[in-house]
Amino acid sequence: MTPAEYLESAATRLTDAGCEVTHEAVGPVDALVGYQRTFALPAMSRIHVVTAMAHLDPTPENIAAWTRDVSQFSRGRTGALRGAQSGIGAFAVVVADQVTPEAVAAAQVKPKVEFAVRTQRVLVDLSTGEIHTFRGRLLFGFALNGTLRRAFDAHVLVPA
């Protein structure tokens, strides 16, 4: 599967999951973006889920920069007040032809939680068909874990 084919399939998957799907500039990169509003019952909060995907060179530096860009983009994209009643869960997805162990380690870093915003790094390795990301649980924002895990499973396609 090529990166273009993966992104095309991902656009269909995001649409099927109920996302508004667009192509937008996220930082300096043209990205596939899925946006969805949902309600997290355990947290009694509205969650804005932003999934941004792009084919990038999977260096640890690029993964970190992409995560920062997606976090900043999602804040501007939602245009919503964040706090006790509303939050943002973002997935910064790097689609790569092949990855290095350093890139995998960079993708598996625990997501940084800023004020009502959690951005999770995701690395899709098309050569092996694997998805690399943090798989643990977070104490801060624990009520959102299930909602965001379900969104991740619905939004991020395992390469064929």
N, C-alpha and C. Protein backbone atom coordinates (compact mmCIF):
# COMPACT_ATOMS: atom_id res chain seq x y z
N MET A 1 0.85 -1.17 0.00
CA MET A 1 0.00 0.00 0.00
C MET A 1 0.90 1.24 0.00
N THR A 2 0.58 2.19 -0.86
CA THR A 2 1.35 3.43 -0.92
C THR A 2 0.78 4.43 0.09
N PRO A 3 1.54 5.47 0.43
CA PRO A 3 0.99 6.49 1.33
C PRO A 3 -0.28 7.13 0.78
N ALA A 4 -0.33 7.39 -0.52
CA ALA A 4 -1.53 7.99 -1.12
C ALA A 4 -2.73 7.06 -0.98
N GLU A 5 -2.52 5.76 -1.21
CA GLU A 5 -3.62 4.79 -1.06
C GLU A 5 -4.07 4.71 0.40
N TYR A 6 -3.11 4.74 1.32
CA TYR A 6 -3.47 4.69 2.74
C TYR A 6 -4.32 5.91 3.11
N LEU A 7 -3.88 7.09 2.69
CA LEU A 7 -4.62 8.31 3.03
C LEU A 7 -6.00 8.32 2.39
N GLU A 8 -6.12 7.78 1.19
CA GLU A 8 -7.43 7.69 0.54
C GLU A 8 -8.36 6.75 1.33
N SER A 9 -7.84 5.61 1.75
CA SER A 9 -8.62 4.68 2.57
C SER A 9 -8.97 5.30 3.92
N ALA A 10 -8.03 6.05 4.47
CA ALA A 10 -8.26 6.69 5.77
C ALA A 10 -9.36 7.74 5.66
N ALA A 11 -9.42 8.46 4.55
CA ALA A 11 -10.48 9.46 4.36
C ALA A 11 -11.85 8.78 4.37
N THR A 12 -11.95 7.64 3.72
CA THR A 12 -13.20 6.88 3.73
C THR A 12 -13.54 6.41 5.14
N ARG A 13 -12.55 5.92 5.85
CA ARG A 13 -12.77 5.43 7.21
C ARG A 13 -13.22 6.57 8.14
N LEU A 14 -12.58 7.73 8.01
CA LEU A 14 -12.96 8.88 8.83
C LEU A 14 -14.40 9.30 8.53
N THR A 15 -14.76 9.31 7.25
CA THR A 15 -16.13 9.66 6.86
C THR A 15 -17.12 8.65 7.43
N ASP A 16 -16.79 7.37 7.32
CA ASP A 16 -17.66 6.32 7.86
C ASP A 16 -17.82 6.42 9.37
N ALA A 17 -16.80 6.96 10.05
CA ALA A 17 -16.85 7.11 11.51
C ALA A 17 -17.63 8.36 11.92
N GLY A 18 -18.09 9.14 10.93
CA GLY A 18 -18.88 10.32 11.25
C GLY A 18 -18.09 11.61 11.33
N CYS A 19 -16.87 11.59 10.81
CA CYS A 19 -16.03 12.79 10.83
C CYS A 19 -16.33 13.70 9.64
N GLU A 20 -16.12 14.98 9.86
CA GLU A 20 -16.06 15.95 8.78
C GLU A 20 -14.63 15.84 8.25
N VAL A 21 -14.45 15.51 6.98
CA VAL A 21 -13.12 15.26 6.43
C VAL A 21 -12.73 16.36 5.46
N THR A 22 -11.53 16.91 5.67
CA THR A 22 -11.02 17.98 4.82
C THR A 22 -9.53 17.77 4.57
N HIS A 23 -8.99 18.53 3.64
CA HIS A 23 -7.54 18.64 3.45
C HIS A 23 -7.20 20.06 3.85
N GLU A 24 -6.32 20.20 4.84
CA GLU A 24 -5.99 21.53 5.36
C GLU A 24 -4.51 21.63 5.63
N ALA A 25 -4.02 22.86 5.71
CA ALA A 25 -2.63 23.10 6.10
C ALA A 25 -2.54 22.97 7.61
N VAL A 26 -1.72 22.04 8.04
CA VAL A 26 -1.43 21.86 9.47
C VAL A 26 0.05 22.17 9.61
N GLY A 27 0.35 23.34 10.18
CA GLY A 27 1.72 23.81 10.14
C GLY A 27 2.09 23.98 8.68
N PRO A 28 3.28 23.53 8.26
CA PRO A 28 3.68 23.68 6.86
C PRO A 28 3.24 22.52 5.96
N VAL A 29 2.43 21.61 6.48
CA VAL A 29 2.09 20.37 5.77
C VAL A 29 0.63 20.36 5.34
N ASP A 30 0.37 19.90 4.10
CA ASP A 30 -1.00 19.65 3.66
C ASP A 30 -1.41 18.30 4.23
N ALA A 31 -2.47 18.28 5.02
CA ALA A 31 -2.84 17.06 5.74
C ALA A 31 -4.30 16.68 5.51
N LEU A 32 -4.56 15.41 5.68
CA LEU A 32 -5.92 14.89 5.74
C LEU A 32 -6.38 15.09 7.18
N VAL A 33 -7.52 15.76 7.36
CA VAL A 33 -8.00 16.07 8.71
C VAL A 33 -9.42 15.54 8.87
N GLY A 34 -9.62 14.80 9.95
CA GLY A 34 -10.95 14.36 10.34
C GLY A 34 -11.33 15.06 11.63
N TYR A 35 -12.54 15.63 11.66
CA TYR A 35 -13.01 16.35 12.85
C TYR A 35 -14.35 15.77 13.27
N GLN A 36 -14.49 15.54 14.56
CA GLN A 36 -15.73 14.98 15.09
C GLN A 36 -15.97 15.52 16.49
N ARG A 37 -17.22 15.87 16.76
CA ARG A 37 -17.62 16.23 18.12
C ARG A 37 -18.35 15.04 18.70
N THR A 38 -18.02 14.73 19.94
CA THR A 38 -18.68 13.62 20.60
C THR A 38 -18.88 13.98 22.07
N PHE A 39 -19.63 13.17 22.77
CA PHE A 39 -19.87 13.40 24.19
C PHE A 39 -19.31 12.23 24.97
N ALA A 40 -18.46 12.55 25.94
CA ALA A 40 -17.87 11.52 26.80
C ALA A 40 -18.70 11.45 28.07
N LEU A 41 -19.56 10.45 28.14
CA LEU A 41 -20.45 10.33 29.28
C LEU A 41 -19.72 10.23 30.62
N PRO A 42 -18.65 9.41 30.74
CA PRO A 42 -17.98 9.33 32.04
C PRO A 42 -17.45 10.68 32.53
N ALA A 43 -17.06 11.53 31.59
CA ALA A 43 -16.52 12.85 31.96
C ALA A 43 -17.60 13.92 31.93
N MET A 44 -18.78 13.57 31.40
CA MET A 44 -19.86 14.54 31.24
C MET A 44 -19.36 15.77 30.49
N SER A 45 -18.61 15.52 29.42
CA SER A 45 -17.99 16.60 28.65
C SER A 45 -18.11 16.35 27.16
N ARG A 46 -18.13 17.44 26.43
CA ARG A 46 -18.06 17.37 24.97
C ARG A 46 -16.58 17.25 24.60
N ILE A 47 -16.29 16.37 23.67
CA ILE A 47 -14.92 16.16 23.22
C ILE A 47 -14.86 16.46 21.72
N HIS A 48 -13.91 17.28 21.35
CA HIS A 48 -13.63 17.54 19.94
C HIS A 48 -12.46 16.63 19.58
N VAL A 49 -12.68 15.72 18.64
CA VAL A 49 -11.63 14.79 18.23
C VAL A 49 -11.11 15.23 16.86
N VAL A 50 -9.81 15.49 16.80
CA VAL A 50 -9.16 15.91 15.56
C VAL A 50 -8.12 14.86 15.20
N THR A 51 -8.24 14.29 14.02
CA THR A 51 -7.27 13.31 13.53
C THR A 51 -6.62 13.92 12.29
N ALA A 52 -5.32 14.20 12.39
CA ALA A 52 -4.58 14.80 11.27
C ALA A 52 -3.55 13.80 10.78
N MET A 53 -3.56 13.52 9.48
CA MET A 53 -2.67 12.51 8.89
C MET A 53 -1.87 13.11 7.75
N ALA A 54 -0.58 12.75 7.70
CA ALA A 54 0.26 13.21 6.60
C ALA A 54 1.40 12.22 6.38
N HIS A 55 1.85 12.15 5.14
CA HIS A 55 3.01 11.33 4.79
C HIS A 55 4.24 12.19 5.04
N LEU A 56 5.04 11.79 6.02
CA LEU A 56 6.23 12.54 6.41
C LEU A 56 7.42 11.61 6.55
N ASP A 57 8.62 12.19 6.51
CA ASP A 57 9.83 11.45 6.84
C ASP A 57 9.77 11.18 8.35
N PRO A 58 9.77 9.92 8.76
CA PRO A 58 9.52 9.60 10.18
C PRO A 58 10.75 9.71 11.08
N THR A 59 11.29 10.90 11.19
CA THR A 59 12.38 11.11 12.14
C THR A 59 11.77 11.50 13.48
N PRO A 60 12.46 11.25 14.58
CA PRO A 60 11.93 11.69 15.88
C PRO A 60 11.62 13.19 15.91
N GLU A 61 12.47 13.99 15.26
CA GLU A 61 12.24 15.44 15.22
C GLU A 61 10.97 15.79 14.45
N ASN A 62 10.75 15.14 13.32
CA ASN A 62 9.54 15.40 12.54
C ASN A 62 8.29 14.96 13.28
N ILE A 63 8.37 13.84 13.98
CA ILE A 63 7.21 13.35 14.74
C ILE A 63 6.87 14.34 15.85
N ALA A 64 7.88 14.84 16.56
CA ALA A 64 7.65 15.82 17.63
C ALA A 64 7.09 17.13 17.07
N ALA A 65 7.65 17.61 15.96
CA ALA A 65 7.17 18.85 15.35
C ALA A 65 5.75 18.70 14.83
N TRP A 66 5.45 17.55 14.22
CA TRP A 66 4.10 17.28 13.71
C TRP A 66 3.10 17.27 14.86
N THR A 67 3.48 16.68 15.97
CA THR A 67 2.60 16.64 17.14
C THR A 67 2.30 18.05 17.63
N ARG A 68 3.32 18.90 17.70
CA ARG A 68 3.11 20.29 18.12
C ARG A 68 2.19 21.02 17.14
N ASP A 69 2.42 20.81 15.84
CA ASP A 69 1.59 21.47 14.83
C ASP A 69 0.14 21.01 14.92
N VAL A 70 -0.07 19.72 15.12
CA VAL A 70 -1.44 19.20 15.22
C VAL A 70 -2.12 19.73 16.48
N SER A 71 -1.39 19.80 17.58
CA SER A 71 -1.96 20.34 18.82
C SER A 71 -2.40 21.79 18.63
N GLN A 72 -1.54 22.58 18.03
CA GLN A 72 -1.87 23.99 17.79
C GLN A 72 -3.03 24.11 16.80
N PHE A 73 -3.01 23.31 15.74
CA PHE A 73 -4.08 23.33 14.75
C PHE A 73 -5.42 22.97 15.39
N SER A 74 -5.43 21.93 16.23
CA SER A 74 -6.70 21.48 16.82
C SER A 74 -7.29 22.54 17.73
N ARG A 75 -6.45 23.28 18.42
CA ARG A 75 -6.98 24.37 19.25
C ARG A 75 -7.68 25.41 18.38
N GLY A 76 -7.05 25.78 17.28
CA GLY A 76 -7.65 26.77 16.40
C GLY A 76 -8.83 26.23 15.63
N ARG A 77 -8.78 24.96 15.26
CA ARG A 77 -9.84 24.33 14.45
C ARG A 77 -11.15 24.21 15.21
N THR A 78 -11.06 23.87 16.50
CA THR A 78 -12.29 23.66 17.27
C THR A 78 -12.94 24.97 17.64
N GLY A 79 -12.14 26.01 17.86
CA GLY A 79 -12.70 27.31 18.20
C GLY A 79 -13.58 27.26 19.43
N ALA A 80 -13.36 26.28 20.28
CA ALA A 80 -14.23 26.09 21.44
C ALA A 80 -13.51 26.42 22.73
N LEU A 81 -14.29 26.82 23.69
CA LEU A 81 -13.74 26.99 25.03
C LEU A 81 -13.40 25.61 25.56
N ARG A 82 -12.27 25.52 26.25
CA ARG A 82 -11.87 24.25 26.81
C ARG A 82 -11.88 24.37 28.32
N GLY A 83 -12.18 23.29 28.97
CA GLY A 83 -12.19 23.29 30.43
C GLY A 83 -12.98 22.11 30.92
N ALA A 84 -13.73 22.31 31.98
CA ALA A 84 -14.45 21.21 32.61
C ALA A 84 -15.51 20.60 31.70
N GLN A 85 -16.09 21.38 30.80
CA GLN A 85 -17.19 20.88 29.98
C GLN A 85 -16.82 20.59 28.53
N SER A 86 -15.59 20.86 28.14
CA SER A 86 -15.21 20.65 26.76
C SER A 86 -13.70 20.42 26.67
N GLY A 87 -13.30 19.48 25.83
CA GLY A 87 -11.87 19.20 25.67
C GLY A 87 -11.57 18.78 24.25
N ILE A 88 -10.28 18.62 23.98
CA ILE A 88 -9.83 18.23 22.65
C ILE A 88 -8.95 17.00 22.77
N GLY A 89 -9.25 16.00 21.96
CA GLY A 89 -8.38 14.84 21.81
C GLY A 89 -7.89 14.83 20.37
N ALA A 90 -6.58 14.91 20.18
CA ALA A 90 -6.04 14.97 18.82
C ALA A 90 -5.09 13.81 18.58
N PHE A 91 -5.12 13.30 17.36
CA PHE A 91 -4.22 12.24 16.93
C PHE A 91 -3.34 12.81 15.81
N ALA A 92 -2.04 12.85 16.06
CA ALA A 92 -1.06 13.34 15.08
C ALA A 92 -0.47 12.12 14.38
N VAL A 93 -1.01 11.78 13.21
CA VAL A 93 -0.68 10.54 12.52
C VAL A 93 0.36 10.79 11.43
N VAL A 94 1.51 10.13 11.55
CA VAL A 94 2.55 10.17 10.53
C VAL A 94 2.47 8.86 9.75
N VAL A 95 2.27 8.96 8.45
CA VAL A 95 2.23 7.79 7.58
C VAL A 95 3.61 7.67 6.93
N ALA A 96 4.25 6.50 7.11
CA ALA A 96 5.63 6.33 6.63
C ALA A 96 5.79 5.04 5.85
N ASP A 97 6.66 5.09 4.84
CA ASP A 97 6.96 3.90 4.05
C ASP A 97 7.72 2.88 4.89
N GLN A 98 8.69 3.35 5.65
CA GLN A 98 9.47 2.51 6.57
C GLN A 98 9.84 3.35 7.77
N VAL A 99 10.06 2.70 8.91
CA VAL A 99 10.40 3.44 10.12
C VAL A 99 11.66 2.86 10.77
N THR A 100 12.25 3.66 11.62
CA THR A 100 13.43 3.23 12.38
C THR A 100 13.01 2.99 13.83
N PRO A 101 13.83 2.27 14.59
CA PRO A 101 13.51 2.09 16.01
C PRO A 101 13.40 3.42 16.76
N GLU A 102 14.19 4.42 16.35
CA GLU A 102 14.12 5.73 16.99
C GLU A 102 12.77 6.40 16.73
N ALA A 103 12.25 6.25 15.52
CA ALA A 103 10.94 6.81 15.19
C ALA A 103 9.84 6.11 15.97
N VAL A 104 9.94 4.79 16.10
CA VAL A 104 8.95 4.04 16.88
C VAL A 104 8.97 4.52 18.33
N ALA A 105 10.15 4.69 18.90
CA ALA A 105 10.26 5.18 20.28
C ALA A 105 9.66 6.57 20.42
N ALA A 106 9.87 7.43 19.42
CA ALA A 106 9.31 8.78 19.46
C ALA A 106 7.78 8.75 19.40
N ALA A 107 7.23 7.80 18.66
CA ALA A 107 5.77 7.69 18.53
C ALA A 107 5.13 7.13 19.79
N GLN A 108 5.87 6.39 20.57
CA GLN A 108 5.30 5.73 21.75
C GLN A 108 5.43 6.55 23.03
N VAL A 109 5.83 7.81 22.89
CA VAL A 109 5.93 8.71 24.04
C VAL A 109 4.53 8.96 24.61
N LYS A 110 4.46 9.00 25.92
CA LYS A 110 3.18 9.28 26.59
C LYS A 110 2.65 10.64 26.12
N PRO A 111 1.36 10.70 25.74
CA PRO A 111 0.81 11.97 25.25
C PRO A 111 0.90 13.07 26.29
N LYS A 112 1.25 14.24 25.81
CA LYS A 112 1.31 15.41 26.67
C LYS A 112 -0.11 15.95 26.83
N VAL A 113 -0.49 16.19 28.07
CA VAL A 113 -1.82 16.74 28.33
C VAL A 113 -1.64 18.20 28.74
N GLU A 114 -2.14 19.09 27.90
CA GLU A 114 -2.14 20.50 28.21
C GLU A 114 -3.55 20.86 28.65
N PHE A 115 -3.82 22.10 28.92
CA PHE A 115 -5.13 22.47 29.43
C PHE A 115 -6.24 21.97 28.51
N ALA A 116 -6.88 20.89 28.92
CA ALA A 116 -8.02 20.28 28.22
C ALA A 116 -7.70 19.88 26.78
N VAL A 117 -6.41 19.63 26.48
CA VAL A 117 -6.00 19.19 25.15
C VAL A 117 -5.02 18.04 25.31
N ARG A 118 -5.32 16.93 24.65
CA ARG A 118 -4.41 15.78 24.65
C ARG A 118 -4.11 15.42 23.20
N THR A 119 -2.82 15.45 22.86
CA THR A 119 -2.40 15.12 21.49
C THR A 119 -1.54 13.87 21.53
N GLN A 120 -1.98 12.85 20.83
CA GLN A 120 -1.31 11.55 20.83
C GLN A 120 -0.58 11.34 19.52
N ARG A 121 0.69 10.95 19.62
CA ARG A 121 1.49 10.64 18.44
C ARG A 121 1.12 9.25 17.91
N VAL A 122 1.06 9.14 16.59
CA VAL A 122 0.76 7.86 15.94
C VAL A 122 1.68 7.74 14.73
N LEU A 123 2.30 6.58 14.60
CA LEU A 123 3.18 6.30 13.46
C LEU A 123 2.65 5.07 12.74
N VAL A 124 2.28 5.23 11.48
CA VAL A 124 1.78 4.12 10.66
C VAL A 124 2.93 3.66 9.78
N ASP A 125 3.36 2.41 9.96
CA ASP A 125 4.45 1.82 9.18
C ASP A 125 3.85 0.98 8.06
N LEU A 126 3.89 1.50 6.85
CA LEU A 126 3.30 0.79 5.72
C LEU A 126 4.09 -0.45 5.33
N SER A 127 5.38 -0.51 5.67
CA SER A 127 6.19 -1.67 5.29
C SER A 127 5.85 -2.90 6.11
N THR A 128 5.42 -2.72 7.35
CA THR A 128 5.10 -3.86 8.22
C THR A 128 3.62 -3.97 8.53
N GLY A 129 2.85 -2.93 8.22
CA GLY A 129 1.43 -2.94 8.55
C GLY A 129 1.16 -2.70 10.02
N GLU A 130 2.10 -2.05 10.70
CA GLU A 130 1.94 -1.81 12.14
C GLU A 130 1.63 -0.35 12.43
N ILE A 131 0.95 -0.16 13.56
CA ILE A 131 0.68 1.17 14.08
C ILE A 131 1.40 1.28 15.41
N HIS A 132 2.21 2.32 15.55
CA HIS A 132 2.97 2.55 16.78
C HIS A 132 2.42 3.80 17.47
N THR A 133 2.07 3.65 18.74
CA THR A 133 1.54 4.76 19.52
C THR A 133 1.61 4.39 21.00
N PHE A 134 1.34 5.33 21.86
CA PHE A 134 1.27 5.05 23.29
C PHE A 134 0.03 4.21 23.55
N ARG A 135 0.18 3.10 24.24
CA ARG A 135 -0.96 2.19 24.49
C ARG A 135 -1.36 2.13 25.95
N GLY A 136 -0.68 2.87 26.81
CA GLY A 136 -0.99 2.83 28.24
C GLY A 136 -2.20 3.69 28.57
N ARG A 137 -2.48 3.76 29.84
CA ARG A 137 -3.58 4.60 30.32
C ARG A 137 -3.00 5.84 30.98
N LEU A 138 -3.75 6.91 30.90
CA LEU A 138 -3.35 8.16 31.53
C LEU A 138 -4.23 8.41 32.73
N LEU A 139 -3.60 8.79 33.83
CA LEU A 139 -4.37 9.10 35.03
C LEU A 139 -5.10 10.42 34.85
N PHE A 140 -4.38 11.44 34.38
CA PHE A 140 -5.01 12.74 34.16
C PHE A 140 -5.90 12.63 32.93
N GLY A 141 -7.17 12.91 33.08
CA GLY A 141 -8.11 12.78 31.98
C GLY A 141 -8.59 11.36 31.79
N PHE A 142 -8.52 10.56 32.86
CA PHE A 142 -8.87 9.13 32.76
C PHE A 142 -10.28 8.91 32.23
N ALA A 143 -11.19 9.83 32.51
CA ALA A 143 -12.57 9.65 32.07
C ALA A 143 -12.69 9.72 30.54
N LEU A 144 -11.68 10.27 29.90
CA LEU A 144 -11.71 10.39 28.44
C LEU A 144 -11.03 9.22 27.74
N ASN A 145 -10.29 8.40 28.50
CA ASN A 145 -9.51 7.32 27.88
C ASN A 145 -10.35 6.43 26.97
N GLY A 146 -11.48 5.96 27.46
CA GLY A 146 -12.32 5.05 26.67
C GLY A 146 -12.85 5.72 25.41
N THR A 147 -13.30 6.95 25.55
CA THR A 147 -13.84 7.68 24.40
C THR A 147 -12.76 7.88 23.34
N LEU A 148 -11.57 8.28 23.77
CA LEU A 148 -10.49 8.51 22.80
C LEU A 148 -9.95 7.21 22.22
N ARG A 149 -9.95 6.15 23.00
CA ARG A 149 -9.50 4.85 22.48
C ARG A 149 -10.47 4.37 21.39
N ARG A 150 -11.77 4.54 21.62
CA ARG A 150 -12.75 4.15 20.60
C ARG A 150 -12.62 5.01 19.34
N ALA A 151 -12.38 6.30 19.53
CA ALA A 151 -12.18 7.19 18.38
C ALA A 151 -10.93 6.78 17.61
N PHE A 152 -9.86 6.47 18.32
CA PHE A 152 -8.62 6.03 17.67
C PHE A 152 -8.88 4.78 16.83
N ASP A 153 -9.56 3.80 17.41
CA ASP A 153 -9.84 2.56 16.69
C ASP A 153 -10.71 2.80 15.46
N ALA A 154 -11.62 3.78 15.55
CA ALA A 154 -12.50 4.08 14.42
C ALA A 154 -11.80 4.92 13.35
N HIS A 155 -10.84 5.75 13.75
CA HIS A 155 -10.24 6.71 12.82
C HIS A 155 -8.96 6.21 12.15
N VAL A 156 -8.15 5.43 12.87
CA VAL A 156 -6.83 5.06 12.35
C VAL A 156 -6.89 3.64 11.77
N LEU A 157 -6.63 3.56 10.50
CA LEU A 157 -6.73 2.32 9.73
C LEU A 157 -5.43 1.54 9.81
N VAL A 158 -5.52 0.26 10.15
CA VAL A 158 -4.35 -0.62 10.11
C VAL A 158 -4.05 -0.89 8.64
N PRO A 159 -2.80 -0.63 8.20
CA PRO A 159 -2.48 -0.84 6.78
C PRO A 159 -2.66 -2.29 6.35
N ALA A 160 -3.15 -2.48 5.14
CA ALA A 160 -3.36 -3.84 4.62
C ALA A 160 -2.07 -4.42 4.08
